[in-house]
Amino acid sequence: MAQKIIFENVSYQYPAWGGEPAYALDRVSAELGYGITAVIGDSGSGKSTLLRLINGLIPHFHGGDFSGRVTVEGKEVVTTPTRELAKLVGFVFQEPENGFVRGTVAREVAFGPENLGFDRHKISAQVVASLQSVGILHLIDRRIRTLSGGERQRVAVAAALATDPATLVLDEPMSQLDENGARLLGQTLTAIAHSGTRVVLAEHRLAGYLQPDHIIGMHSGHLIEENSMKVVVPPPCLPPSTSTKLVWELHDAELSVGTTPLLTGINLAGREGEVTVITGANGGGKTTLLRAIGGLSPLTSGSRLAPDVGVAYLPQEPGVLLHRTRVIDEVAQTLKWLGLTSSPMDVLEILDLAHLAQRDPRDLSGGERQRAALAVVLAGQPRLALLDEPTRGMDEQARMSLVATLTHLAEHGTATIVATHDRVLAHQLAPRVWKISGGTLIPEEGVGP
């Protein structure tokens, strides 16, 4: 019978945080039993850090200042090599695309079982069963680089399941999934928990998709009671733009992936200060459309109007924009490239990130890293901002900061296009939302929670 995961008086600080000492975890003690355990709390509260302790990434990979004791299936994390912990714990990161090592879906899902020495016939069976469980068996022969963000996230979950772990740990696994994908993942996690696999996940999108057996609340590195967590009231919707000046436009546009038509008959335009929201299923073409509007991807046919300069693009993977050792240096570099004299601290304050200015982006939570990437691309107040799933990993407070930031940009004339699965965000940002359906765009009126 599987043993519990036990945290005993655990404290941890990432290396080189700068400023006054601050602990990501502070004297945490907890026991994780069977079933599904959800770890909830604000961005930066310590959720990801707690999860990384389970498979030994902390302290084996991240280093830092660690004290206390963590045991997984009776093995002490500090003294057990990560290759041994990998046999017990399957892990899905917030940005799973950064961990892919193979070119195709089938080979990526097979990679873990191969490294653990599974029999060749069992590997084939595990690949098929894992892909089937998350609803993407039809993608088995696809190349990873051709997948949407949500499809990649499901590949990462399948890859973790294929190792047949005693414990499955997932960090914001629903952050890029459409509604059907999130619902299917919830059903999958419930089924594997019932089969005896322990599931531990950090997630902001539980309601309606998953009913956990246990909930752990976190705030500033401490465990707290769930009912003591503050309720954040969403800000009001952005007012519609009153400008008549077009910033971007697609006329009778057709978009393809390779030689395969993806979207046809696209007629859409945006004015100064206007926010346009695009929704739709994973793999439907939201990212392709976003990039085409900004002139970052070619049209198969049709015409496009877009600014020659002043286009900012936030991809689904914020890590590709963050390369320096301090958040403030990332923003300062953008300002330098644009020849602006603005203060990087002013930019960080708008996004409520001033307290993270000296932090290394690699040590931030997923929501914090997303906001840092937003600060980088929006620092120059662009004419056109393209945001692909900007609320990935964000808590409600961070979402409020995002809405406030887009309000600020709209007031200064920036046209913004947001691709998102977040229906609440869509309702807050735009009076009309466009949905990709059947290879074209249709208006989706009255979007709400």
Protein backbone atom coordinates (compact mmCIF):
# COMPACT_ATOMS: atom_id res chain seq x y z
CA MET A 1 0.00 0.00 0.00
CA ALA A 2 1.29 3.47 -0.91
CA GLN A 3 2.57 5.64 1.90
CA LYS A 4 1.73 9.27 2.52
CA ILE A 5 3.75 12.25 1.34
CA ILE A 6 4.93 13.99 4.50
CA PHE A 7 6.27 17.54 4.94
CA GLU A 8 7.84 18.13 8.34
CA ASN A 9 8.62 21.73 9.36
CA VAL A 10 9.83 22.56 5.84
CA SER A 11 11.31 25.97 5.03
CA TYR A 12 12.85 26.90 1.71
CA GLN A 13 14.38 29.98 0.06
CA TYR A 14 15.41 30.15 -3.59
CA PRO A 15 19.00 31.28 -4.21
CA ALA A 16 19.90 34.85 -5.21
CA TRP A 17 16.52 36.45 -4.56
CA GLY A 18 18.13 39.77 -3.66
CA GLY A 19 16.89 42.19 -1.01
CA GLU A 20 15.77 41.00 2.40
CA PRO A 21 15.63 37.23 3.01
CA ALA A 22 12.22 35.80 2.15
CA TYR A 23 11.10 32.20 2.21
CA ALA A 24 8.94 30.58 -0.45
CA LEU A 25 7.93 28.06 2.23
CA ASP A 26 8.04 28.85 5.92
CA ARG A 27 7.78 26.01 8.47
CA VAL A 28 5.26 23.96 6.47
CA SER A 29 4.02 20.68 7.88
CA ALA A 30 1.43 18.58 6.06
CA GLU A 31 0.48 15.02 5.10
CA LEU A 32 -0.90 14.17 1.67
CA GLY A 33 -2.91 10.97 1.62
CA TYR A 34 -4.87 9.23 -1.12
CA GLY A 35 -7.24 10.68 -3.69
CA ILE A 36 -6.95 14.18 -5.15
CA THR A 37 -5.31 17.00 -3.19
CA ALA A 38 -5.67 20.53 -4.55
CA VAL A 39 -3.19 23.21 -3.49
CA ILE A 40 -4.77 26.65 -3.85
CA GLY A 41 -3.67 30.21 -3.17
CA ASP A 42 -2.45 33.42 -4.76
CA SER A 43 0.35 33.50 -7.34
CA GLY A 44 3.63 33.41 -5.43
CA SER A 45 2.07 31.84 -2.34
CA GLY A 46 4.35 28.79 -2.53
CA LYS A 47 2.19 26.30 -4.43
CA SER A 48 4.73 25.46 -7.16
CA THR A 49 7.53 25.28 -4.61
CA LEU A 50 5.57 22.77 -2.55
CA LEU A 51 4.98 20.63 -5.65
CA ARG A 52 8.64 20.73 -6.71
CA LEU A 53 9.62 19.23 -3.38
CA ILE A 54 7.64 16.09 -4.16
CA ASN A 55 9.83 15.03 -7.10
CA GLY A 56 13.07 16.43 -5.72
CA LEU A 57 13.51 19.39 -8.08
CA ILE A 58 13.86 21.27 -4.81
CA PRO A 59 16.51 21.17 -3.54
CA HIS A 60 18.38 18.92 -6.05
CA PHE A 61 17.96 21.20 -9.07
CA HIS A 62 17.13 24.66 -7.72
CA GLY A 63 19.58 24.63 -4.81
CA GLY A 64 18.78 27.32 -2.25
CA ASP A 65 18.32 27.21 1.50
CA PHE A 66 16.35 24.14 2.62
CA SER A 67 15.48 22.85 6.08
CA GLY A 68 13.04 20.28 7.41
CA ARG A 69 12.16 16.87 6.00
CA VAL A 70 10.09 15.58 3.07
CA THR A 71 9.34 11.90 2.49
CA VAL A 72 7.63 10.41 -0.59
CA GLU A 73 6.56 6.76 -0.45
CA GLY A 74 8.89 6.36 2.53
CA LYS A 75 11.91 7.84 0.71
CA GLU A 76 13.49 11.04 1.99
CA VAL A 77 13.66 13.56 -0.85
CA VAL A 78 16.97 15.16 0.13
CA THR A 79 18.88 11.85 0.18
CA THR A 80 17.10 10.13 -2.73
CA PRO A 81 18.40 10.77 -6.28
CA THR A 82 15.89 12.39 -8.62
CA ARG A 83 16.12 9.40 -11.00
CA GLU A 84 14.72 7.23 -8.20
CA LEU A 85 11.99 9.74 -7.38
CA ALA A 86 11.06 9.81 -11.09
CA LYS A 87 9.95 6.17 -10.77
CA LEU A 88 7.44 7.22 -8.13
CA VAL A 89 6.33 10.69 -9.20
CA GLY A 90 5.02 11.89 -12.56
CA PHE A 91 5.27 15.67 -12.90
CA VAL A 92 3.55 18.14 -15.24
CA PHE A 93 5.01 21.65 -15.28
CA GLN A 94 3.18 24.95 -15.74
CA GLU A 95 5.10 25.42 -19.00
CA PRO A 96 5.31 21.80 -20.24
CA GLU A 97 6.56 22.79 -23.68
CA ASN A 98 9.92 23.73 -22.13
CA GLY A 99 10.43 20.10 -21.09
CA PHE A 100 9.68 18.37 -24.39
CA VAL A 101 12.66 16.47 -25.80
CA ARG A 102 11.21 14.53 -28.75
CA GLY A 103 9.79 15.75 -32.04
CA THR A 104 6.53 13.81 -32.24
CA VAL A 105 3.70 13.17 -29.79
CA ALA A 106 4.19 9.39 -29.77
CA ARG A 107 7.93 9.62 -29.09
CA GLU A 108 7.48 12.27 -26.40
CA VAL A 109 4.93 10.19 -24.49
CA ALA A 110 7.17 7.12 -24.84
CA PHE A 111 10.27 8.94 -23.57
CA GLY A 112 9.52 8.51 -19.84
CA PRO A 113 8.70 4.77 -19.95
CA GLU A 114 11.78 4.16 -22.12
CA ASN A 115 14.04 5.83 -19.58
CA LEU A 116 12.47 3.81 -16.78
CA GLY A 117 13.20 0.56 -18.63
CA PHE A 118 9.65 -0.49 -19.49
CA ASP A 119 9.19 -3.46 -21.84
CA ARG A 120 8.82 -2.37 -25.47
CA HIS A 121 5.32 -3.81 -25.82
CA LYS A 122 4.21 -2.19 -22.57
CA ILE A 123 5.54 1.17 -23.78
CA SER A 124 3.37 1.02 -26.90
CA ALA A 125 0.32 0.16 -24.84
CA GLN A 126 1.06 2.93 -22.31
CA VAL A 127 1.41 5.53 -25.07
CA VAL A 128 -1.95 4.65 -26.59
CA ALA A 129 -3.77 4.40 -23.25
CA SER A 130 -2.33 7.68 -21.95
CA LEU A 131 -3.19 9.66 -25.08
CA GLN A 132 -6.66 8.14 -25.13
CA SER A 133 -7.27 9.09 -21.48
CA VAL A 134 -6.73 12.79 -22.20
CA GLY A 135 -8.61 12.75 -25.51
CA ILE A 136 -5.76 13.27 -27.98
CA LEU A 137 -5.09 9.84 -29.45
CA HIS A 138 -5.78 11.42 -32.86
CA LEU A 139 -2.62 13.51 -32.38
CA ILE A 140 -0.32 10.52 -31.92
CA ASP A 141 1.61 11.10 -35.17
CA ARG A 142 1.69 14.90 -35.00
CA ARG A 143 4.88 16.89 -34.51
CA ILE A 144 4.97 18.77 -31.20
CA ARG A 145 5.76 22.11 -32.85
CA THR A 146 2.49 21.99 -34.84
CA LEU A 147 0.29 21.72 -31.73
CA SER A 148 -1.59 24.47 -29.94
CA GLY A 149 -0.73 25.35 -26.35
CA GLY A 150 -3.68 23.39 -24.97
CA GLU A 151 -2.82 20.35 -27.07
CA ARG A 152 0.78 20.48 -25.80
CA GLN A 153 -0.48 20.67 -22.24
CA ARG A 154 -2.48 17.47 -22.76
CA VAL A 155 0.57 15.78 -24.30
CA ALA A 156 2.52 16.63 -21.14
CA VAL A 157 -0.20 15.07 -18.96
CA ALA A 158 -0.22 11.95 -21.14
CA ALA A 159 3.58 11.70 -20.91
CA ALA A 160 3.40 11.79 -17.11
CA LEU A 161 0.62 9.19 -17.02
CA ALA A 162 2.59 6.87 -19.31
CA THR A 163 5.20 6.26 -16.59
CA ASP A 164 2.48 4.69 -14.41
CA PRO A 165 3.46 6.77 -11.33
CA ALA A 166 2.32 6.16 -7.75
CA THR A 167 1.83 9.94 -7.47
CA LEU A 168 0.90 12.36 -10.26
CA VAL A 169 1.77 16.02 -9.62
CA LEU A 170 0.39 18.73 -11.90
CA ASP A 171 1.11 22.47 -11.78
CA GLU A 172 -1.77 24.48 -13.32
CA PRO A 173 -2.68 21.70 -15.80
CA MET A 174 -5.90 23.40 -16.95
CA SER A 175 -4.42 26.83 -17.60
CA GLN A 176 -4.41 26.47 -21.42
CA LEU A 177 -7.26 24.00 -21.91
CA ASP A 178 -10.58 24.86 -23.50
CA GLU A 179 -13.74 23.94 -21.60
CA ASN A 180 -14.03 20.46 -23.10
CA GLY A 181 -10.35 19.77 -22.45
CA ALA A 182 -10.57 20.94 -18.84
CA ARG A 183 -13.67 18.82 -18.25
CA LEU A 184 -12.02 15.75 -19.78
CA LEU A 185 -8.87 16.25 -17.72
CA GLY A 186 -10.97 16.52 -14.56
CA GLN A 187 -12.67 13.23 -15.41
CA THR A 188 -9.30 11.61 -16.18
CA LEU A 189 -7.75 12.72 -12.88
CA THR A 190 -10.79 11.50 -10.96
CA ALA A 191 -10.58 8.09 -12.68
CA ILE A 192 -6.86 7.59 -12.02
CA ALA A 193 -7.29 8.69 -8.39
CA HIS A 194 -10.01 6.05 -8.00
CA SER A 195 -7.62 3.48 -9.48
CA GLY A 196 -5.12 4.14 -6.68
CA THR A 197 -2.81 6.84 -8.06
CA ARG A 198 -2.39 9.81 -5.74
CA VAL A 199 -3.05 13.14 -7.52
CA VAL A 200 -1.66 16.45 -6.26
CA LEU A 201 -2.29 19.62 -8.26
CA ALA A 202 -2.10 23.39 -8.02
CA GLU A 203 -4.90 24.98 -9.99
CA HIS A 204 -6.95 28.19 -10.17
CA ARG A 205 -9.63 26.61 -12.42
CA LEU A 206 -11.17 23.87 -10.29
CA ALA A 207 -14.81 24.95 -10.18
CA GLY A 208 -16.97 22.91 -12.54
CA TYR A 209 -14.12 20.65 -13.67
CA LEU A 210 -12.79 18.77 -10.63
CA GLN A 211 -13.91 17.99 -7.11
CA PRO A 212 -10.82 17.38 -4.93
CA ASP A 213 -10.86 15.11 -1.90
CA HIS A 214 -8.56 17.43 0.07
CA ILE A 215 -7.69 21.13 -0.21
CA ILE A 216 -4.54 22.86 1.05
CA GLY A 217 -4.62 26.67 1.16
CA MET A 218 -1.39 28.66 0.94
CA HIS A 219 -0.46 32.29 1.51
CA SER A 220 3.06 33.79 1.60
CA GLY A 221 4.67 30.40 2.13
CA HIS A 222 2.36 29.35 4.97
CA LEU A 223 -0.49 26.86 5.12
CA ILE A 224 -3.80 28.56 5.85
CA GLU A 225 -7.43 27.58 6.27
CA GLU A 226 -9.31 27.62 2.97
CA ASN A 227 -12.11 29.75 4.40
CA SER A 228 -9.63 32.46 5.44
CA MET A 229 -8.63 33.20 1.83
CA LYS A 230 -9.75 36.62 0.63
CA VAL A 231 -12.41 37.02 -2.04
CA VAL A 232 -11.46 39.34 -4.87
CA VAL A 233 -14.25 41.28 -6.58
CA PRO A 234 -13.62 41.48 -10.35
CA PRO A 235 -13.18 44.98 -11.77
CA PRO A 236 -15.85 46.43 -14.07
CA CYS A 237 -15.77 45.82 -17.80
CA LEU A 238 -13.65 48.06 -19.98
CA PRO A 239 -15.68 50.78 -21.70
CA PRO A 240 -15.94 50.51 -25.50
CA SER A 241 -13.54 52.56 -27.61
CA THR A 242 -14.86 55.84 -29.04
CA SER A 243 -12.07 56.19 -31.62
CA THR A 244 -12.71 55.78 -35.34
CA LYS A 245 -9.04 55.29 -36.30
CA LEU A 246 -8.22 51.76 -37.44
CA VAL A 247 -5.02 50.18 -36.10
CA TRP A 248 -5.37 46.73 -37.69
CA GLU A 249 -7.63 44.91 -40.13
CA LEU A 250 -7.98 41.59 -41.94
CA HIS A 251 -10.07 41.54 -45.14
CA ASP A 252 -11.30 38.26 -46.64
CA ALA A 253 -8.28 36.53 -45.10
CA GLU A 254 -7.45 32.85 -45.32
CA LEU A 255 -4.91 31.19 -43.03
CA SER A 256 -3.28 27.79 -43.40
CA VAL A 257 -0.95 25.49 -41.49
CA GLY A 258 1.38 24.14 -44.12
CA THR A 259 -0.89 23.22 -47.01
CA THR A 260 -3.94 22.62 -44.80
CA PRO A 261 -6.52 25.48 -44.70
CA LEU A 262 -7.26 26.52 -41.11
CA LEU A 263 -9.41 29.68 -41.24
CA THR A 264 -11.28 31.25 -44.16
CA GLY A 265 -13.34 34.37 -44.80
CA ILE A 266 -11.92 36.37 -41.90
CA ASN A 267 -13.08 40.00 -41.87
CA LEU A 268 -12.17 41.77 -38.66
CA ALA A 269 -10.75 45.14 -37.59
CA GLY A 270 -9.69 46.99 -34.45
CA ARG A 271 -9.52 50.68 -33.56
CA GLU A 272 -7.33 52.70 -31.22
CA GLY A 273 -8.08 51.84 -27.59
CA GLU A 274 -10.24 48.85 -28.52
CA VAL A 275 -9.91 45.40 -26.99
CA THR A 276 -10.83 42.42 -29.19
CA VAL A 277 -11.21 38.96 -27.63
CA ILE A 278 -10.93 35.69 -29.56
CA THR A 279 -11.99 32.36 -28.07
CA GLY A 280 -12.33 28.82 -29.39
CA ALA A 281 -11.25 25.23 -28.89
CA ASN A 282 -7.64 24.07 -28.57
CA GLY A 283 -6.12 23.73 -32.03
CA GLY A 284 -8.81 25.85 -33.66
CA GLY A 285 -6.42 28.57 -34.83
CA LYS A 286 -6.46 31.31 -32.16
CA THR A 287 -2.68 31.67 -32.01
CA THR A 288 -2.35 31.52 -35.80
CA LEU A 289 -4.98 34.25 -36.17
CA LEU A 290 -3.36 36.41 -33.49
CA ARG A 291 0.03 36.22 -35.19
CA ALA A 292 -1.47 36.88 -38.62
CA ILE A 293 -3.20 40.04 -37.41
CA GLY A 294 0.10 41.40 -36.16
CA GLY A 295 1.97 40.54 -39.34
CA LEU A 296 3.95 37.77 -37.60
CA SER A 297 2.53 34.99 -39.81
CA PRO A 298 1.65 35.09 -43.54
CA LEU A 299 -1.82 35.07 -45.02
CA THR A 300 -2.70 32.41 -47.58
CA SER A 301 -4.90 34.99 -49.28
CA GLY A 302 -6.68 38.25 -48.50
CA SER A 303 -5.26 41.53 -47.21
CA ARG A 304 -3.99 42.87 -43.91
CA LEU A 305 -3.50 46.26 -42.27
CA ALA A 306 -1.13 46.34 -39.30
CA PRO A 307 1.30 48.86 -37.78
CA ASP A 308 4.85 48.85 -39.17
CA VAL A 309 6.20 49.45 -35.66
CA GLY A 310 4.89 49.25 -32.12
CA VAL A 311 3.56 45.68 -32.19
CA ALA A 312 4.02 43.72 -28.94
CA TYR A 313 3.42 39.97 -28.76
CA LEU A 314 3.02 37.87 -25.61
CA PRO A 315 3.30 34.17 -26.56
CA GLN A 316 1.76 31.34 -24.56
CA GLU A 317 5.22 30.43 -23.25
CA PRO A 318 6.39 33.44 -21.17
CA GLY A 319 9.74 31.81 -20.49
CA VAL A 320 10.92 32.52 -24.05
CA LEU A 321 10.93 36.25 -23.23
CA LEU A 322 12.76 36.03 -19.90
CA HIS A 323 16.53 35.57 -20.05
CA ARG A 324 18.04 37.82 -17.39
CA THR A 325 18.62 37.25 -13.70
CA ARG A 326 16.32 40.03 -12.44
CA VAL A 327 12.81 41.04 -13.45
CA ILE A 328 13.73 44.72 -13.45
CA ASP A 329 16.55 44.05 -15.92
CA GLU A 330 14.10 42.40 -18.33
CA VAL A 331 11.92 45.52 -18.41
CA ALA A 332 14.90 47.86 -18.54
CA GLN A 333 16.20 46.06 -21.63
CA THR A 334 12.89 46.53 -23.46
CA LEU A 335 12.93 50.25 -22.68
CA LYS A 336 16.54 50.47 -23.86
CA TRP A 337 15.77 48.71 -27.16
CA LEU A 338 12.89 51.13 -27.77
CA GLY A 339 14.98 54.17 -26.85
CA LEU A 340 12.61 55.12 -24.02
CA THR A 341 13.58 56.89 -20.81
CA SER A 342 10.69 55.54 -18.72
CA SER A 343 11.48 54.01 -15.36
CA PRO A 344 11.28 50.19 -15.30
CA MET A 345 9.95 50.42 -11.75
CA ASP A 346 6.98 52.48 -12.98
CA VAL A 347 6.14 49.71 -15.44
CA LEU A 348 6.39 47.05 -12.73
CA GLU A 349 4.19 49.05 -10.37
CA ILE A 350 1.39 49.21 -12.96
CA LEU A 351 1.34 45.40 -13.00
CA ASP A 352 1.78 45.17 -9.22
CA LEU A 353 5.24 43.58 -9.67
CA ALA A 354 7.48 46.09 -7.90
CA HIS A 355 8.04 43.65 -5.03
CA LEU A 356 9.49 41.15 -7.53
CA ALA A 357 11.89 43.59 -9.22
CA GLN A 358 15.05 41.93 -7.84
CA ARG A 359 13.86 38.35 -8.30
CA ASP A 360 15.16 35.86 -10.87
CA PRO A 361 12.31 35.10 -13.33
CA ARG A 362 13.21 31.38 -13.23
CA ASP A 363 12.26 31.24 -9.56
CA LEU A 364 8.86 32.92 -9.94
CA SER A 365 5.54 31.14 -9.89
CA GLY A 366 3.82 30.60 -13.23
CA GLY A 367 1.40 33.50 -12.67
CA GLU A 368 4.21 35.82 -11.60
CA ARG A 369 6.32 34.81 -14.61
CA GLN A 370 3.36 35.51 -16.89
CA ARG A 371 2.98 39.00 -15.44
CA ALA A 372 6.73 39.62 -15.74
CA ALA A 373 6.51 38.71 -19.43
CA LEU A 374 3.55 41.08 -19.78
CA ALA A 375 5.64 43.87 -18.27
CA VAL A 376 8.40 43.14 -20.80
CA VAL A 377 6.17 43.31 -23.89
CA LEU A 378 3.94 46.18 -22.72
CA ALA A 379 6.68 48.43 -21.34
CA GLY A 380 6.76 50.59 -24.47
CA GLN A 381 2.98 51.18 -24.64
CA PRO A 382 2.69 49.64 -28.15
CA ARG A 383 0.17 50.61 -30.80
CA LEU A 384 -0.95 46.98 -31.04
CA ALA A 385 -0.68 44.38 -28.26
CA LEU A 386 -1.23 40.68 -29.03
CA LEU A 387 -1.78 38.58 -25.89
CA ASP A 388 -2.00 34.78 -26.17
CA GLU A 389 -3.62 33.26 -23.04
CA PRO A 390 -2.44 36.10 -20.77
CA THR A 391 -4.12 34.75 -17.62
CA ARG A 392 -2.21 31.46 -17.68
CA GLY A 393 -1.45 30.60 -14.04
CA MET A 394 -2.83 33.90 -12.72
CA ASP A 395 -4.86 34.29 -9.53
CA GLU A 396 -7.77 36.73 -9.22
CA GLN A 397 -5.58 39.56 -7.91
CA ALA A 398 -3.24 39.18 -10.89
CA ARG A 399 -6.22 39.15 -13.26
CA MET A 400 -7.35 42.45 -11.76
CA SER A 401 -3.88 43.88 -12.40
CA LEU A 402 -4.08 42.66 -16.00
CA VAL A 403 -7.46 44.34 -16.56
CA ALA A 404 -6.12 47.54 -15.00
CA THR A 405 -3.08 47.40 -17.29
CA LEU A 406 -5.18 46.91 -20.43
CA THR A 407 -7.43 49.77 -19.30
CA HIS A 408 -4.33 51.97 -18.98
CA LEU A 409 -3.14 50.95 -22.46
CA ALA A 410 -6.59 51.52 -23.99
CA GLU A 411 -6.71 55.02 -22.51
CA HIS A 412 -3.42 55.73 -24.31
CA GLY A 413 -4.68 54.41 -27.64
CA THR A 414 -3.27 50.87 -27.71
CA ALA A 415 -5.40 48.36 -29.61
CA THR A 416 -5.30 44.96 -27.89
CA ILE A 417 -6.20 41.49 -29.13
CA VAL A 418 -6.55 38.73 -26.55
CA ALA A 419 -6.79 35.02 -27.33
CA THR A 420 -8.15 33.21 -24.29
CA HIS A 421 -10.23 30.37 -22.88
CA ASP A 422 -11.04 32.54 -19.85
CA ARG A 423 -14.70 33.45 -20.30
CA VAL A 424 -14.77 35.72 -17.25
CA LEU A 425 -11.81 37.70 -18.62
CA ALA A 426 -13.50 37.87 -22.03
CA HIS A 427 -16.61 39.38 -20.43
CA GLN A 428 -14.53 41.95 -18.54
CA LEU A 429 -12.51 43.05 -21.53
CA ALA A 430 -14.83 43.38 -24.50
CA PRO A 431 -18.50 44.06 -25.30
CA ARG A 432 -18.22 41.59 -28.19
CA VAL A 433 -16.22 38.38 -28.27
CA TRP A 434 -15.34 36.47 -31.45
CA LYS A 435 -15.30 32.68 -31.41
CA ILE A 436 -13.46 30.44 -33.87
CA SER A 437 -15.89 27.75 -34.99
CA GLY A 438 -15.91 25.59 -38.10
CA GLY A 439 -12.89 27.34 -39.60
CA THR A 440 -14.29 30.86 -39.38
CA LEU A 441 -15.20 33.59 -36.87
CA ILE A 442 -18.63 34.08 -35.36
CA PRO A 443 -19.70 36.72 -32.80
CA GLU A 444 -20.34 35.39 -29.31
CA GLU A 445 -22.58 37.87 -27.54
CA GLY A 446 -23.13 38.11 -23.80
CA VAL A 447 -20.13 36.11 -22.68
CA GLY A 448 -20.15 35.67 -18.91
CA PRO A 449 -18.79 33.48 -16.14
